[in-house]
PDB file of N, CA and C in Angstrom:
ATOM      1  N   MET A   1      80.892 180.332 -15.406  1.00  0.00           N
ATOM      2  CA  MET A   1      80.963 181.753 -15.068  1.00  0.00           C
ATOM      3  C   MET A   1      81.012 181.921 -13.548  1.00  0.00           C
ATOM      4  N   LEU A   2      81.831 182.808 -13.091  1.00  0.00           N
ATOM      5  CA  LEU A   2      81.981 183.094 -11.673  1.00  0.00           C
ATOM      6  C   LEU A   2      80.763 183.842 -11.150  1.00  0.00           C
ATOM      7  N   GLN A   3      80.226 183.373 -10.043  1.00  0.00           N
ATOM      8  CA  GLN A   3      79.067 184.047  -9.461  1.00  0.00           C
ATOM      9  C   GLN A   3      79.460 184.663  -8.122  1.00  0.00           C
ATOM     10  N   LEU A   4      79.196 185.938  -8.000  1.00  0.00           N
ATOM     11  CA  LEU A   4      79.473 186.669  -6.768  1.00  0.00           C
ATOM     12  C   LEU A   4      78.170 187.306  -6.304  1.00  0.00           C
ATOM     13  N   PRO A   5      77.435 186.652  -5.417  1.00  0.00           N
ATOM     14  CA  PRO A   5      76.104 187.148  -5.046  1.00  0.00           C
ATOM     15  C   PRO A   5      76.104 188.480  -4.306  1.00  0.00           C
ATOM     16  N   ASN A   6      77.220 188.874  -3.729  1.00  0.00           N
ATOM     17  CA  ASN A   6      77.273 190.127  -2.970  1.00  0.00           C
ATOM     18  C   ASN A   6      77.871 191.288  -3.755  1.00  0.00           C
ATOM     19  N   TRP A   7      78.196 191.042  -5.023  1.00  0.00           N
ATOM     20  CA  TRP A   7      78.806 192.070  -5.853  1.00  0.00           C
ATOM     21  C   TRP A   7      78.040 192.230  -7.158  1.00  0.00           C
ATOM     22  N   ILE A   8      78.177 193.413  -7.768  1.00  0.00           N
ATOM     23  CA  ILE A   8      77.571 193.685  -9.067  1.00  0.00           C
ATOM     24  C   ILE A   8      78.608 194.351  -9.968  1.00  0.00           C
ATOM     25  N   MET A   9      78.371 194.251 -11.269  1.00  0.00           N
ATOM     26  CA  MET A   9      79.228 194.936 -12.240  1.00  0.00           C
ATOM     27  C   MET A   9      78.668 196.328 -12.488  1.00  0.00           C
ATOM     28  N   LYS A  10      79.540 197.320 -12.422  1.00  0.00           N
ATOM     29  CA  LYS A  10      79.136 198.696 -12.703  1.00  0.00           C
ATOM     30  C   LYS A  10      80.300 199.385 -13.399  1.00  0.00           C
ATOM     31  N   ASP A  11      80.067 199.854 -14.609  1.00  0.00           N
ATOM     32  CA  ASP A  11      81.119 200.529 -15.385  1.00  0.00           C
ATOM     33  C   ASP A  11      82.386 199.678 -15.468  1.00  0.00           C
ATOM     34  N   SER A  12      82.225 198.409 -15.781  1.00  0.00           N
ATOM     35  CA  SER A  12      83.309 197.420 -15.915  1.00  0.00           C
ATOM     36  C   SER A  12      84.109 197.215 -14.625  1.00  0.00           C
ATOM     37  N   SER A  13      83.536 197.576 -13.492  1.00  0.00           N
ATOM     38  CA  SER A  13      84.155 197.324 -12.189  1.00  0.00           C
ATOM     39  C   SER A  13      83.219 196.466 -11.352  1.00  0.00           C
ATOM     40  N   ILE A  14      83.799 195.697 -10.470  1.00  0.00           N
ATOM     41  CA  ILE A  14      82.997 194.910  -9.542  1.00  0.00           C
ATOM     42  C   ILE A  14      82.884 195.706  -8.254  1.00  0.00           C
ATOM     43  N   ILE A  15      81.641 195.973  -7.826  1.00  0.00           N
ATOM     44  CA  ILE A  15      81.429 196.718  -6.579  1.00  0.00           C
ATOM     45  C   ILE A  15      80.494 195.931  -5.669  1.00  0.00           C
ATOM     46  N   VAL A  16      80.644 196.150  -4.387  1.00  0.00           N
ATOM     47  CA  VAL A  16      79.820 195.454  -3.405  1.00  0.00           C
ATOM     48  C   VAL A  16      78.393 196.006  -3.457  1.00  0.00           C
ATOM     49  N   LYS A  17      77.410 195.101  -3.341  1.00  0.00           N
ATOM     50  CA  LYS A  17      76.009 195.530  -3.309  1.00  0.00           C
ATOM     51  C   LYS A  17      75.751 196.285  -2.012  1.00  0.00           C
ATOM     52  N   ARG A  18      74.952 197.312  -2.091  1.00  0.00           N
ATOM     53  CA  ARG A  18      74.679 198.150  -0.920  1.00  0.00           C
ATOM     54  C   ARG A  18      73.743 197.480   0.084  1.00  0.00           C
ATOM     55  N   ASN A  19      73.189 196.319  -0.266  1.00  0.00           N
ATOM     56  CA  ASN A  19      72.345 195.594   0.681  1.00  0.00           C
ATOM     57  C   ASN A  19      73.033 194.326   1.191  1.00  0.00           C
ATOM     58  N   SER A  20      74.326 194.182   0.921  1.00  0.00           N
ATOM     59  CA  SER A  20      75.036 192.981   1.368  1.00  0.00           C
ATOM     60  C   SER A  20      75.592 193.169   2.779  1.00  0.00           C
ATOM     61  N   ASN A  21      75.826 192.057   3.444  1.00  0.00           N
ATOM     62  CA  ASN A  21      76.403 192.106   4.791  1.00  0.00           C
ATOM     63  C   ASN A  21      77.790 192.744   4.783  1.00  0.00           C
ATOM     64  N   TYR A  22      78.529 192.581   3.685  1.00  0.00           N
ATOM     65  CA  TYR A  22      79.858 193.192   3.591  1.00  0.00           C
ATOM     66  C   TYR A  22      79.760 194.713   3.676  1.00  0.00           C
ATOM     67  N   TYR A  23      78.810 195.280   2.945  1.00  0.00           N
ATOM     68  CA  TYR A  23      78.654 196.737   2.952  1.00  0.00           C
ATOM     69  C   TYR A  23      78.231 197.225   4.339  1.00  0.00           C
ATOM     70  N   PHE A  24      77.283 196.518   4.957  1.00  0.00           N
ATOM     71  CA  PHE A  24      76.847 196.893   6.304  1.00  0.00           C
ATOM     72  C   PHE A  24      78.025 196.870   7.266  1.00  0.00           C
ATOM     73  N   GLN A  25      78.862 195.830   7.170  1.00  0.00           N
ATOM     74  CA  GLN A  25      79.994 195.733   8.085  1.00  0.00           C
ATOM     75  C   GLN A  25      80.982 196.875   7.865  1.00  0.00           C
ATOM     76  N   VAL A  26      81.260 197.201   6.614  1.00  0.00           N
ATOM     77  CA  VAL A  26      82.197 198.291   6.322  1.00  0.00           C
ATOM     78  C   VAL A  26      81.660 199.615   6.856  1.00  0.00           C
ATOM     79  N   ILE A  27      80.395 199.915   6.596  1.00  0.00           N
ATOM     80  CA  ILE A  27      79.814 201.177   7.085  1.00  0.00           C
ATOM     81  C   ILE A  27      79.829 201.207   8.611  1.00  0.00           C
ATOM     82  N   GLY A  28      79.500 200.090   9.251  1.00  0.00           N
ATOM     83  CA  GLY A  28      79.540 200.024  10.713  1.00  0.00           C
ATOM     84  C   GLY A  28      80.935 200.263  11.258  1.00  0.00           C
ATOM     85  N   GLN A  29      81.936 199.652  10.641  1.00  0.00           N
ATOM     86  CA  GLN A  29      83.308 199.841  11.102  1.00  0.00           C
ATOM     87  C   GLN A  29      83.794 201.266  10.852  1.00  0.00           C
ATOM     88  N   LEU A  30      83.392 201.846   9.723  1.00  0.00           N
ATOM     89  CA  LEU A  30      83.757 203.239   9.467  1.00  0.00           C
ATOM     90  C   LEU A  30      83.122 204.155  10.511  1.00  0.00           C
ATOM     91  N   HIS A  31      81.867 203.891  10.864  1.00  0.00           N
ATOM     92  CA  HIS A  31      81.182 204.726  11.856  1.00  0.00           C
ATOM     93  C   HIS A  31      81.860 204.612  13.225  1.00  0.00           C
ATOM     94  N   ILE A  32      82.094 203.390  13.657  1.00  0.00           N
ATOM     95  CA  ILE A  32      82.658 203.162  14.989  1.00  0.00           C
ATOM     96  C   ILE A  32      84.069 203.732  15.108  1.00  0.00           C
ATOM     97  N   THR A  33      84.859 203.618  14.051  1.00  0.00           N
ATOM     98  CA  THR A  33      86.241 204.104  14.101  1.00  0.00           C
ATOM     99  C   THR A  33      86.383 205.555  13.654  1.00  0.00           C
ATOM    100  N   LYS A  34      85.238 206.177  13.302  1.00  0.00           N
ATOM    101  CA  LYS A  34      85.224 207.578  12.874  1.00  0.00           C
ATOM    102  C   LYS A  34      86.154 207.812  11.677  1.00  0.00           C
ATOM    103  N   ARG A  35      86.112 206.886  10.745  1.00  0.00           N
ATOM    104  CA  ARG A  35      86.888 206.998   9.506  1.00  0.00           C
ATOM    105  C   ARG A  35      85.958 207.389   8.368  1.00  0.00           C
ATOM    106  N   GLU A  36      86.517 207.894   7.313  1.00  0.00           N
ATOM    107  CA  GLU A  36      85.734 208.325   6.156  1.00  0.00           C
ATOM    108  C   GLU A  36      85.872 207.396   4.956  1.00  0.00           C
ATOM    109  N   LEU A  37      86.886 206.534   4.955  1.00  0.00           N
ATOM    110  CA  LEU A  37      87.179 205.742   3.766  1.00  0.00           C
ATOM    111  C   LEU A  37      87.680 204.355   4.135  1.00  0.00           C
ATOM    112  N   CYS A  38      87.240 203.362   3.358  1.00  0.00           N
ATOM    113  CA  CYS A  38      87.725 201.990   3.503  1.00  0.00           C
ATOM    114  C   CYS A  38      88.101 201.474   2.122  1.00  0.00           C
ATOM    115  N   TYR A  39      89.194 200.758   2.036  1.00  0.00           N
ATOM    116  CA  TYR A  39      89.562 200.060   0.809  1.00  0.00           C
ATOM    117  C   TYR A  39      89.160 198.601   0.990  1.00  0.00           C
ATOM    118  N   LEU A  40      88.135 198.176   0.282  1.00  0.00           N
ATOM    119  CA  LEU A  40      87.667 196.796   0.362  1.00  0.00           C
ATOM    120  C   LEU A  40      88.344 196.012  -0.755  1.00  0.00           C
ATOM    121  N   VAL A  41      89.132 195.022  -0.386  1.00  0.00           N
ATOM    122  CA  VAL A  41      89.885 194.229  -1.354  1.00  0.00           C
ATOM    123  C   VAL A  41      89.210 192.875  -1.524  1.00  0.00           C
ATOM    124  N   VAL A  42      88.936 192.517  -2.776  1.00  0.00           N
ATOM    125  CA  VAL A  42      88.401 191.198  -3.104  1.00  0.00           C
ATOM    126  C   VAL A  42      89.481 190.476  -3.895  1.00  0.00           C
ATOM    127  N   TYR A  43      89.911 189.344  -3.363  1.00  0.00           N
ATOM    128  CA  TYR A  43      91.000 188.593  -3.976  1.00  0.00           C
ATOM    129  C   TYR A  43      90.495 187.219  -4.385  1.00  0.00           C
ATOM    130  N   THR A  44      90.787 186.810  -5.606  1.00  0.00           N
ATOM    131  CA  THR A  44      90.536 185.442  -6.060  1.00  0.00           C
ATOM    132  C   THR A  44      91.829 184.929  -6.680  1.00  0.00           C
ATOM    133  N   GLU A  45      91.829 183.675  -7.087  1.00  0.00           N
ATOM    134  CA  GLU A  45      93.021 183.115  -7.725  1.00  0.00           C
ATOM    135  C   GLU A  45      93.285 183.754  -9.085  1.00  0.00           C
ATOM    136  N   LYS A  46      92.246 184.295  -9.715  1.00  0.00           N
ATOM    137  CA  LYS A  46      92.391 184.828 -11.072  1.00  0.00           C
ATOM    138  C   LYS A  46      92.444 186.348 -11.144  1.00  0.00           C
ATOM    139  N   TRP A  47      91.946 187.040 -10.148  1.00  0.00           N
ATOM    140  CA  TRP A  47      91.934 188.500 -10.192  1.00  0.00           C
ATOM    141  C   TRP A  47      91.783 189.077  -8.785  1.00  0.00           C
ATOM    142  N   THR A  48      92.100 190.350  -8.687  1.00  0.00           N
ATOM    143  CA  THR A  48      91.949 191.100  -7.440  1.00  0.00           C
ATOM    144  C   THR A  48      91.351 192.451  -7.793  1.00  0.00           C
ATOM    145  N   THR A  49      90.463 192.923  -6.938  1.00  0.00           N
ATOM    146  CA  THR A  49      89.895 194.253  -7.146  1.00  0.00           C
ATOM    147  C   THR A  49      89.882 195.003  -5.819  1.00  0.00           C
ATOM    148  N   VAL A  50      90.018 196.300  -5.902  1.00  0.00           N
ATOM    149  CA  VAL A  50      89.987 197.155  -4.718  1.00  0.00           C
ATOM    150  C   VAL A  50      88.896 198.197  -4.931  1.00  0.00           C
ATOM    151  N   GLU A  51      87.982 198.277  -3.965  1.00  0.00           N
ATOM    152  CA  GLU A  51      86.896 199.258  -4.048  1.00  0.00           C
ATOM    153  C   GLU A  51      87.035 200.261  -2.909  1.00  0.00           C
ATOM    154  N   LYS A  52      86.932 201.530  -3.243  1.00  0.00           N
ATOM    155  CA  LYS A  52      86.897 202.574  -2.215  1.00  0.00           C
ATOM    156  C   LYS A  52      85.458 202.713  -1.743  1.00  0.00           C
ATOM    157  N   ILE A  53      85.250 202.577  -0.448  1.00  0.00           N
ATOM    158  CA  ILE A  53      83.916 202.774   0.118  1.00  0.00           C
ATOM    159  C   ILE A  53      84.004 203.930   1.102  1.00  0.00           C
ATOM    160  N   TYR A  54      83.220 204.956   0.848  1.00  0.00           N
ATOM    161  CA  TYR A  54      83.190 206.133   1.714  1.00  0.00           C
ATOM    162  C   TYR A  54      82.071 205.987   2.736  1.00  0.00           C
ATOM    163  N   TYR A  55      82.299 206.508   3.918  1.00  0.00           N
ATOM    164  CA  TYR A  55      81.286 206.477   4.967  1.00  0.00           C
ATOM    165  C   TYR A  55      80.034 207.204   4.498  1.00  0.00           C
ATOM    166  N   ASP A  56      78.890 206.585   4.713  1.00  0.00           N
ATOM    167  CA  ASP A  56      77.601 207.141   4.302  1.00  0.00           C
ATOM    168  C   ASP A  56      76.737 207.304   5.552  1.00  0.00           C
ATOM    169  N   HIS A  57      76.700 208.513   6.089  1.00  0.00           N
ATOM    170  CA  HIS A  57      75.960 208.761   7.329  1.00  0.00           C
ATOM    171  C   HIS A  57      74.462 208.531   7.146  1.00  0.00           C
ATOM    172  N   THR A  58      73.928 208.875   6.003  1.00  0.00           N
ATOM    173  CA  THR A  58      72.502 208.648   5.739  1.00  0.00           C
ATOM    174  C   THR A  58      72.191 207.158   5.777  1.00  0.00           C
ATOM    175  N   PHE A  59      73.044 206.334   5.164  1.00  0.00           N
ATOM    176  CA  PHE A  59      72.860 204.881   5.197  1.00  0.00           C
ATOM    177  C   PHE A  59      72.904 204.385   6.639  1.00  0.00           C
ATOM    178  N   TRP A  60      73.853 204.899   7.421  1.00  0.00           N
ATOM    179  CA  TRP A  60      73.983 204.506   8.824  1.00  0.00           C
ATOM    180  C   TRP A  60      72.685 204.789   9.585  1.00  0.00           C
ATOM    181  N   ILE A  61      72.151 205.986   9.438  1.00  0.00           N
ATOM    182  CA  ILE A  61      70.938 206.383  10.153  1.00  0.00           C
ATOM    183  C   ILE A  61      69.732 205.578   9.683  1.00  0.00           C
ATOM    184  N   GLN A  62      69.556 205.444   8.373  1.00  0.00           N
ATOM    185  CA  GLN A  62      68.357 204.800   7.830  1.00  0.00           C
ATOM    186  C   GLN A  62      68.349 203.286   7.970  1.00  0.00           C
ATOM    187  N   ASN A  63      69.514 202.640   7.965  1.00  0.00           N
ATOM    188  CA  ASN A  63      69.553 201.180   7.899  1.00  0.00           C
ATOM    189  C   ASN A  63      70.188 200.478   9.089  1.00  0.00           C
ATOM    190  N   MET A  64      70.946 201.188   9.909  1.00  0.00           N
ATOM    191  CA  MET A  64      71.726 200.489  10.918  1.00  0.00           C
ATOM    192  C   MET A  64      71.524 200.976  12.344  1.00  0.00           C
ATOM    193  N   SER A  65      71.502 202.260  12.550  1.00  0.00           N
ATOM    194  CA  SER A  65      71.527 202.833  13.891  1.00  0.00           C
ATOM    195  C   SER A  65      70.417 202.292  14.793  1.00  0.00           C
ATOM    196  N   GLU A  66      69.189 202.348  14.325  1.00  0.00           N
ATOM    197  CA  GLU A  66      68.057 201.922  15.153  1.00  0.00           C
ATOM    198  C   GLU A  66      68.106 200.422  15.459  1.00  0.00           C
ATOM    199  N   LYS A  67      68.459 199.609  14.470  1.00  0.00           N
ATOM    200  CA  LYS A  67      68.534 198.160  14.676  1.00  0.00           C
ATOM    201  C   LYS A  67      69.626 197.808  15.677  1.00  0.00           C
ATOM    202  N   LEU A  68      70.775 198.460  15.565  1.00  0.00           N
ATOM    203  CA  LEU A  68      71.865 198.178  16.490  1.00  0.00           C
ATOM    204  C   LEU A  68      71.551 198.661  17.902  1.00  0.00           C
ATOM    205  N   MET A  69      70.880 199.799  18.010  1.00  0.00           N
ATOM    206  CA  MET A  69      70.474 200.290  19.323  1.00  0.00           C
ATOM    207  C   MET A  69      69.485 199.321  19.966  1.00  0.00           C
ATOM    208  N   SER A  70      68.534 198.829  19.190  1.00  0.00           N
ATOM    209  CA  SER A  70      67.561 197.858  19.692  1.00  0.00           C
ATOM    210  C   SER A  70      68.261 196.572  20.134  1.00  0.00           C
ATOM    211  N   PHE A  71      69.205 196.085  19.333  1.00  0.00           N
ATOM    212  CA  PHE A  71      69.953 194.883  19.700  1.00  0.00           C
ATOM    213  C   PHE A  71      70.711 195.101  21.004  1.00  0.00           C
ATOM    214  N   TYR A  72      71.361 196.252  21.124  1.00  0.00           N
ATOM    215  CA  TYR A  72      72.130 196.535  22.334  1.00  0.00           C
ATOM    216  C   TYR A  72      71.226 196.580  23.562  1.00  0.00           C
ATOM    217  N   LEU A  73      70.125 197.330  23.462  1.00  0.00           N
ATOM    218  CA  LEU A  73      69.247 197.514  24.623  1.00  0.00           C
ATOM    219  C   LEU A  73      68.465 196.254  24.981  1.00  0.00           C
ATOM    220  N   ASN A  74      68.035 195.480  23.980  1.00  0.00           N
ATOM    221  CA  ASN A  74      67.168 194.329  24.240  1.00  0.00           C
ATOM    222  C   ASN A  74      67.900 193.004  24.369  1.00  0.00           C
ATOM    223  N   CYS A  75      69.101 192.910  23.827  1.00  0.00           N
ATOM    224  CA  CYS A  75      69.813 191.628  23.838  1.00  0.00           C
ATOM    225  C   CYS A  75      71.133 191.687  24.603  1.00  0.00           C
ATOM    226  N   LEU A  76      71.984 192.612  24.242  1.00  0.00           N
ATOM    227  CA  LEU A  76      73.317 192.655  24.829  1.00  0.00           C
ATOM    228  C   LEU A  76      73.323 193.201  26.253  1.00  0.00           C
ATOM    229  N   LEU A  77      72.690 194.337  26.469  1.00  0.00           N
ATOM    230  CA  LEU A  77      72.695 194.958  27.796  1.00  0.00           C
ATOM    231  C   LEU A  77      72.085 194.055  28.872  1.00  0.00           C
ATOM    232  N   PRO A  78      70.924 193.421  28.622  1.00  0.00           N
ATOM    233  CA  PRO A  78      70.392 192.514  29.648  1.00  0.00           C
ATOM    234  C   PRO A  78      71.365 191.376  29.985  1.00  0.00           C
ATOM    235  N   GLU A  79      72.092 190.880  29.008  1.00  0.00           N
ATOM    236  CA  GLU A  79      73.064 189.818  29.264  1.00  0.00           C
ATOM    237  C   GLU A  79      74.245 190.346  30.074  1.00  0.00           C
ATOM    238  N   LEU A  80      74.628 191.590  29.856  1.00  0.00           N
ATOM    239  CA  LEU A  80      75.711 192.179  30.645  1.00  0.00           C
ATOM    240  C   LEU A  80      75.290 192.404  32.091  1.00  0.00           C
ATOM    241  N   VAL A  81      74.034 192.807  32.284  1.00  0.00           N
ATOM    242  CA  VAL A  81      73.525 193.096  33.627  1.00  0.00           C
ATOM    243  C   VAL A  81      73.237 191.813  34.401  1.00  0.00           C
ATOM    244  N   ASP A  82      72.591 190.849  33.749  1.00  0.00           N
ATOM    245  CA  ASP A  82      72.218 189.590  34.401  1.00  0.00           C
ATOM    246  C   ASP A  82      72.541 188.432  33.460  1.00  0.00           C
ATOM    247  N   PRO A  83      73.791 187.976  33.434  1.00  0.00           N
ATOM    248  CA  PRO A  83      74.204 186.953  32.475  1.00  0.00           C
ATOM    249  C   PRO A  83      73.419 185.651  32.619  1.00  0.00           C
ATOM    250  N   LEU A  84      73.020 185.106  31.480  1.00  0.00           N
ATOM    251  CA  LEU A  84      72.336 183.819  31.458  1.00  0.00           C
ATOM    252  C   LEU A  84      73.283 182.692  31.070  1.00  0.00           C
ATOM    253  N   TYR A  85      74.501 183.043  30.639  1.00  0.00           N
ATOM    254  CA  TYR A  85      75.457 182.019  30.250  1.00  0.00           C
ATOM    255  C   TYR A  85      75.720 181.099  31.441  1.00  0.00           C
ATOM    256  N   GLY A  86      75.613 179.812  31.210  1.00  0.00           N
ATOM    257  CA  GLY A  86      75.830 178.843  32.278  1.00  0.00           C
ATOM    258  C   GLY A  86      74.581 178.494  33.047  1.00  0.00           C
ATOM    259  N   LYS A  87      73.502 179.207  32.790  1.00  0.00           N
ATOM    260  CA  LYS A  87      72.235 178.895  33.442  1.00  0.00           C
ATOM    261  C   LYS A  87      71.429 177.995  32.524  1.00  0.00           C
ATOM    262  N   ARG A  88      70.249 177.639  32.953  1.00  0.00           N
ATOM    263  CA  ARG A  88      69.353 176.796  32.163  1.00  0.00           C
ATOM    264  C   ARG A  88      69.109 177.456  30.807  1.00  0.00           C
ATOM    265  N   LEU A  89      69.470 176.782  29.745  1.00  0.00           N
ATOM    266  CA  LEU A  89      69.311 177.345  28.411  1.00  0.00           C
ATOM    267  C   LEU A  89      68.500 176.389  27.540  1.00  0.00           C
ATOM    268  N   LEU A  90      67.205 176.495  27.624  1.00  0.00           N
ATOM    269  CA  LEU A  90      66.302 175.695  26.813  1.00  0.00           C
ATOM    270  C   LEU A  90      65.674 176.574  25.751  1.00  0.00           C
ATOM    271  N   ILE A  91      65.157 175.955  24.694  1.00  0.00           N
ATOM    272  CA  ILE A  91      64.499 176.728  23.643  1.00  0.00           C
ATOM    273  C   ILE A  91      63.342 177.529  24.226  1.00  0.00           C
ATOM    274  N   SER A  92      62.708 177.020  25.264  1.00  0.00           N
ATOM    275  CA  SER A  92      61.583 177.736  25.875  1.00  0.00           C
ATOM    276  C   SER A  92      62.031 178.989  26.624  1.00  0.00           C
ATOM    277  N   ASP A  93      63.338 179.130  26.865  1.00  0.00           N
ATOM    278  CA  ASP A  93      63.852 180.322  27.538  1.00  0.00           C
ATOM    279  C   ASP A  93      64.037 181.499  26.582  1.00  0.00           C
ATOM    280  N   ILE A  94      64.001 181.224  25.289  1.00  0.00           N
ATOM    281  CA  ILE A  94      64.218 182.274  24.291  1.00  0.00           C
ATOM    282  C   ILE A  94      62.891 182.927  23.971  1.00  0.00           C
ATOM    283  N   ARG A  95      62.804 184.195  24.206  1.00  0.00           N
ATOM    284  CA  ARG A  95      61.560 184.939  23.995  1.00  0.00           C
ATOM    285  C   ARG A  95      61.755 186.018  22.943  1.00  0.00           C
ATOM    286  N   ASP A  96      60.676 186.338  22.268  1.00  0.00           N
ATOM    287  CA  ASP A  96      60.655 187.435  21.310  1.00  0.00           C
ATOM    288  C   ASP A  96      60.746 188.730  22.106  1.00  0.00           C
ATOM    289  N   PRO A  97      61.715 189.620  21.805  1.00  0.00           N
ATOM    290  CA  PRO A  97      61.845 190.849  22.589  1.00  0.00           C
ATOM    291  C   PRO A  97      60.621 191.757  22.527  1.00  0.00           C
ATOM    292  N   ASP A  98      59.770 191.583  21.499  1.00  0.00           N
ATOM    293  CA  ASP A  98      58.585 192.430  21.368  1.00  0.00           C
ATOM    294  C   ASP A  98      57.333 191.796  21.963  1.00  0.00           C
ATOM    295  N   GLY A  99      57.442 190.608  22.487  1.00  0.00           N
ATOM    296  CA  GLY A  99      56.255 189.948  23.024  1.00  0.00           C
ATOM    297  C   GLY A  99      56.638 188.768  23.886  1.00  0.00           C
ATOM    298  N   ASP A 100      55.662 187.925  24.142  1.00  0.00           N
ATOM    299  CA  ASP A 100      55.891 186.771  25.005  1.00  0.00           C
ATOM    300  C   ASP A 100      55.981 185.462  24.240  1.00  0.00           C
ATOM    301  N   GLN A 101      56.035 185.523  22.919  1.00  0.00           N
ATOM    302  CA  GLN A 101      56.088 184.300  22.140  1.00  0.00           C
ATOM    303  C   GLN A 101      57.477 183.690  22.209  1.00  0.00           C
ATOM    304  N   VAL A 102      57.500 182.367  22.289  1.00  0.00           N
ATOM    305  CA  VAL A 102      58.761 181.649  22.248  1.00  0.00           C
ATOM    306  C   VAL A 102      59.250 181.643  20.806  1.00  0.00           C
ATOM    307  N   ILE A 103      60.514 181.930  20.616  1.00  0.00           N
ATOM    308  CA  ILE A 103      61.103 181.907  19.277  1.00  0.00           C
ATOM    309  C   ILE A 103      61.464 180.472  18.947  1.00  0.00           C
ATOM    310  N   ARG A 104      61.032 179.986  17.819  1.00  0.00           N
ATOM    311  CA  ARG A 104      61.343 178.606  17.396  1.00  0.00           C
ATOM    312  C   ARG A 104      62.082 178.620  16.090  1.00  0.00           C
TER     313      ARG A 104
END
């Protein structure tokens, strides 16, 4: 039997799970591009399915916005301002953004 860990059967259709990385990526891309609809195509050698995914602003606010803002402010922006690429990069240089513990 074919196993698709990121999809579920609903009303004899295969749909993406709302907690999968695929769904998060689609909602993020819809938000950034200011689109309302995405056609997600799943293709295998034996079958193909197309799912319409509509932008869900509530999902964006509750599950993505704050995490992405935190990533931007704590990880991406500091690297843009003071790049560490090419500098000393040891495991001891990696710090938890919420504290002083080394991430291992």
